[in-house]
């Protein structure tokens, strides 16, 4: 319940890491892989919303998803 609530808050990658640590997870991937399932209908809504909001390369700024992917890659490379 707490993870789903955290996901609904549109947390930054740093905030999500803090939320994950607060739950006792040493790795944010534990939070996402164990509790972070996105229902199929919501997945479609989110993807459509990214295009509509102009998030990402369209405005010259990295999207939150790109930042999160970079964070995940960084965490994996450090073995955290």
C-alpha atoms as a PDB file:
ATOM      1  CA  UNK A   1       0.000   0.000   0.000  1.00  0.00           C
ATOM      2  CA  UNK A   2       2.786   2.431   0.861  1.00  0.00           C
ATOM      3  CA  UNK A   3       4.655   1.754  -2.385  1.00  0.00           C
ATOM      4  CA  UNK A   4       1.540   2.285  -4.492  1.00  0.00           C
ATOM      5  CA  UNK A   5       0.908   5.531  -2.608  1.00  0.00           C
ATOM      6  CA  UNK A   6       4.499   6.622  -3.208  1.00  0.00           C
ATOM      7  CA  UNK A   7       4.148   5.903  -6.901  1.00  0.00           C
ATOM      8  CA  UNK A   8       1.007   8.021  -7.051  1.00  0.00           C
ATOM      9  CA  UNK A   9       2.925  11.030  -5.680  1.00  0.00           C
ATOM     10  CA  UNK A  10       5.079  11.428  -8.818  1.00  0.00           C
ATOM     11  CA  UNK A  11       8.247  11.365  -6.741  1.00  0.00           C
ATOM     12  CA  UNK A  12      11.591  12.351  -8.202  1.00  0.00           C
ATOM     13  CA  UNK A  13      14.140   9.530  -8.468  1.00  0.00           C
ATOM     14  CA  UNK A  14      15.872  10.856  -5.341  1.00  0.00           C
ATOM     15  CA  UNK A  15      12.598  10.998  -3.416  1.00  0.00           C
ATOM     16  CA  UNK A  16      11.695   7.475  -4.563  1.00  0.00           C
ATOM     17  CA  UNK A  17      15.080   6.215  -3.347  1.00  0.00           C
ATOM     18  CA  UNK A  18      14.449   7.847   0.037  1.00  0.00           C
ATOM     19  CA  UNK A  19      10.932   6.352   0.129  1.00  0.00           C
ATOM     20  CA  UNK A  20      12.413   2.937  -0.695  1.00  0.00           C
ATOM     21  CA  UNK A  21      15.037   3.235   2.026  1.00  0.00           C
ATOM     22  CA  UNK A  22      12.360   4.278   4.508  1.00  0.00           C
ATOM     23  CA  UNK A  23      10.580   1.001   3.729  1.00  0.00           C
ATOM     24  CA  UNK A  24      13.788  -0.845   4.618  1.00  0.00           C
ATOM     25  CA  UNK A  25      14.849  -1.665   1.067  1.00  0.00           C
ATOM     26  CA  UNK A  26      18.569  -1.248   0.461  1.00  0.00           C
ATOM     27  CA  UNK A  27      17.951  -1.190  -3.299  1.00  0.00           C
ATOM     28  CA  UNK A  28      15.248   0.888  -4.995  1.00  0.00           C
ATOM     29  CA  UNK A  29      14.917  -1.937  -7.529  1.00  0.00           C
ATOM     30  CA  UNK A  30      13.572  -4.134  -4.729  1.00  0.00           C
ATOM     31  CA  UNK A  31      10.780  -1.632  -4.277  1.00  0.00           C
ATOM     32  CA  UNK A  32       9.990  -1.477  -7.978  1.00  0.00           C
ATOM     33  CA  UNK A  33      10.269  -5.176  -8.767  1.00  0.00           C
ATOM     34  CA  UNK A  34       8.459  -6.419  -5.682  1.00  0.00           C
ATOM     35  CA  UNK A  35       5.718  -3.854  -5.333  1.00  0.00           C
ATOM     36  CA  UNK A  36       5.890  -1.530  -8.293  1.00  0.00           C
ATOM     37  CA  UNK A  37       3.676  -3.312 -10.807  1.00  0.00           C
ATOM     38  CA  UNK A  38       1.737  -0.904 -13.003  1.00  0.00           C
ATOM     39  CA  UNK A  39      -1.644  -2.216 -14.161  1.00  0.00           C
ATOM     40  CA  UNK A  40      -1.846  -2.462 -17.963  1.00  0.00           C
ATOM     41  CA  UNK A  41      -4.564   0.196 -18.264  1.00  0.00           C
ATOM     42  CA  UNK A  42      -2.522   2.626 -16.173  1.00  0.00           C
ATOM     43  CA  UNK A  43       0.614   1.890 -18.185  1.00  0.00           C
ATOM     44  CA  UNK A  44      -1.188   3.019 -21.340  1.00  0.00           C
ATOM     45  CA  UNK A  45      -2.429   6.172 -19.620  1.00  0.00           C
ATOM     46  CA  UNK A  46       1.072   7.050 -18.461  1.00  0.00           C
ATOM     47  CA  UNK A  47       2.660   6.503 -21.857  1.00  0.00           C
ATOM     48  CA  UNK A  48      -0.018   8.572 -23.610  1.00  0.00           C
ATOM     49  CA  UNK A  49       0.413  11.285 -20.966  1.00  0.00           C
ATOM     50  CA  UNK A  50       4.158  11.544 -21.642  1.00  0.00           C
ATOM     51  CA  UNK A  51       3.526  12.355 -25.268  1.00  0.00           C
ATOM     52  CA  UNK A  52       0.733  14.825 -24.480  1.00  0.00           C
ATOM     53  CA  UNK A  53       2.680  16.637 -21.780  1.00  0.00           C
ATOM     54  CA  UNK A  54       5.715  17.167 -23.971  1.00  0.00           C
ATOM     55  CA  UNK A  55       7.950  15.501 -21.401  1.00  0.00           C
ATOM     56  CA  UNK A  56      11.375  14.514 -22.653  1.00  0.00           C
ATOM     57  CA  UNK A  57      13.371  15.452 -25.720  1.00  0.00           C
ATOM     58  CA  UNK A  58      10.631  17.705 -27.099  1.00  0.00           C
ATOM     59  CA  UNK A  59      11.442  20.420 -24.549  1.00  0.00           C
ATOM     60  CA  UNK A  60      15.185  19.795 -24.365  1.00  0.00           C
ATOM     61  CA  UNK A  61      15.007  18.386 -20.833  1.00  0.00           C
ATOM     62  CA  UNK A  62      15.315  14.721 -19.841  1.00  0.00           C
ATOM     63  CA  UNK A  63      12.021  13.131 -18.881  1.00  0.00           C
ATOM     64  CA  UNK A  64      11.475  11.729 -15.397  1.00  0.00           C
ATOM     65  CA  UNK A  65      11.578   8.245 -16.951  1.00  0.00           C
ATOM     66  CA  UNK A  66      14.960   8.993 -18.539  1.00  0.00           C
ATOM     67  CA  UNK A  67      16.231  10.241 -15.187  1.00  0.00           C
ATOM     68  CA  UNK A  68      14.880   7.170 -13.416  1.00  0.00           C
ATOM     69  CA  UNK A  69      16.444   4.853 -16.009  1.00  0.00           C
ATOM     70  CA  UNK A  70      19.771   6.641 -15.542  1.00  0.00           C
ATOM     71  CA  UNK A  71      19.444   6.277 -11.774  1.00  0.00           C
ATOM     72  CA  UNK A  72      18.661   2.564 -12.061  1.00  0.00           C
ATOM     73  CA  UNK A  73      21.641   2.047 -14.391  1.00  0.00           C
ATOM     74  CA  UNK A  74      23.888   3.930 -11.961  1.00  0.00           C
ATOM     75  CA  UNK A  75      22.657   1.924  -8.972  1.00  0.00           C
ATOM     76  CA  UNK A  76      23.180  -1.352 -10.862  1.00  0.00           C
ATOM     77  CA  UNK A  77      26.700  -0.364 -11.945  1.00  0.00           C
ATOM     78  CA  UNK A  78      27.664   0.350  -8.348  1.00  0.00           C
ATOM     79  CA  UNK A  79      26.145  -2.890  -7.080  1.00  0.00           C
ATOM     80  CA  UNK A  80      24.014  -0.984  -4.578  1.00  0.00           C
END
